[in-house]
Amino acid sequence: MFHGFTSDFLFSQWLFFRFLGLVYLLAFSSLLVQIKGLYSSKGILPAGEYLERVRRRYGIRRFFRCPTLFWINSSDHALIGAGIIGIVFSLLLVTDHLTSVSLLVLWMCYLSFVSIGQDFLMFQWDALLLEIGFLGFLISLDTPSSSFSLLLLWFVNFRFMFSSGIRKLLSGDRTWRNLSALKYHYETQPLPTPLAWYVHKMPVAFHRICTFLVLFIEIVVPFLIFGSNTMRVVAALILAFLQVAIVLTGNYGFFNILSIVILIPLVPDGIWFRLTDSVNTFHSAIHSRAIQHIIHFVTGVLFVLNLLQFIAIFLKSKGVLRLLSIFSPFFLVNSYGLFTVMTTLRYEVNIEGSDDGVNWREYEFKWKPVKENNPLKWNIPHQPRLDWQMWFLALRQHGIDLWFVNLLLRLLEGEGSVLSLLKTNPFPENPPRYIRAVLYEYRFTSTEKRRKTGCWWERKPLGLFCPVINLK
């Protein structure tokens, strides 16, 4: 049925590899400038300390539970070196050099970081990059791709988008079911863009229509992937449009770029300016029949796991979930579904320091709001990992994570690598004697207040999130 049809997608695959390299480049570049503050020996969550805890708990099983190259060396220099290696091989992939080798090295390096990343590297787009990166590696070994592997890539596209939509309805969240979700989203999302403030002011009817369109695009449109070439192109355009719309109002790092890049293999070569003839010289990178059989076997296993992951959306079988969990440390087949329960109120945790316990000064973050006049910004494709985790922390409103305790301790110590993750240090000469965290509720300002004061935010204190602490 599908024999020979992959010859229509040779340039699409080549282009997919190049742009996948670009996404890796963005991911590693963003991570590199944050590595010391997050994972160095004096960072918030030191990699070495985490690996030691894993070693004590799992023993020899640690290599499977936490697959990372940093078992060899987790020093600060090794962390920085791995980030630089990621950038170098990303550039090689972008420029069409050592495609298969680059894809393998990039997947191993990024998996190494995610495995020790703990709270700061557990976002769905980190998992998606690893899943797509490994599948891309398999396809690169078998170019021109077999029908089976290309179909798997299409199915991952379908499952990623469909599950993102259907989980919103299955969650039981009333805002998605009554089409009011986007009335709250622009204000309560982690890092809104300047345009989000204006879109938030649109009429309720506008938000209901947009919410319906989001659900329609995520749930219905993906089925076009399994239709004709024309239907796949239509699906790719509509799904890409959704990602662009998200970019205009929210900062999600490289996520939306990756979500568009994985649509490239849906588009036949004829659409790319009739360049099919120029790419028919692709040949398989691996000529051994035995190795080809191995590649096809692994692809088949991934196909089965993808089907099980799809079934798990509707049927929570313990056996299926247990089987999927076996492969979960490698992020080969992941579960997706952003904002399945919409946040309707925006909470922020702000950190304050003091020399005397009476007069308090706030630490400002580079991207998350602290003061009412903090401007809304675009920071795509960079993802400020600490700012994002502060948003998740505020949602809990009780209980303090290890990473946050460590953050407060590092600020009391005046640790430079951690302070580099922040916008301002209100104690430039000596670190504060005391530190605390205060919980606030934030809202977008009214149009009138915005015009009079220039402020984007108004806030209301709700009480202490973390009581006063000091190094003693």
Foldseek 3Di string as FASTA:
>chain_A
DCPPVLLQQLVLLLLLQLLLLVLLLLVLVLVLLQCCQDAAPLHLQHLVVQLVVLCVVPPPCSCQLQVAPCVVPRHPVVLNVLSVLSNVLSVCRNVVHPSLVSLVSSLRSLLNCLSSVPQLQPDPLSLVSNQVSVLSNLCQQAPVGDPLSLVLLLLLLLQQLQLQQVLLVVVVAVCLVQQQQLLQPLWAPLAWAQVSLVVNPDDSVVSSVVSVLSNCLSNPLSVLLPPDLVSLVVNLVSQLVVLVVCLNTDADACRSVNSNSSSSSSHTPCVVVHCSVVRSPDHRPDDDPVVNVVSVVVSVVLSVLQVLLSVCSPDVDPVSVVVNVSCVSSSNHDRHHPCSHHDRWHKFKWKWFAAPVPDIDTFAAPGGDDDQLDHRHHDYNRDLSVSSVRRVVLVVLADDDSSVVSLVQSQLQVPPSNSVRGDDNPCVPHRGQKMFMWMKIKGADDPVCCVVPVTGIDIDTDGTSGDIDGPD
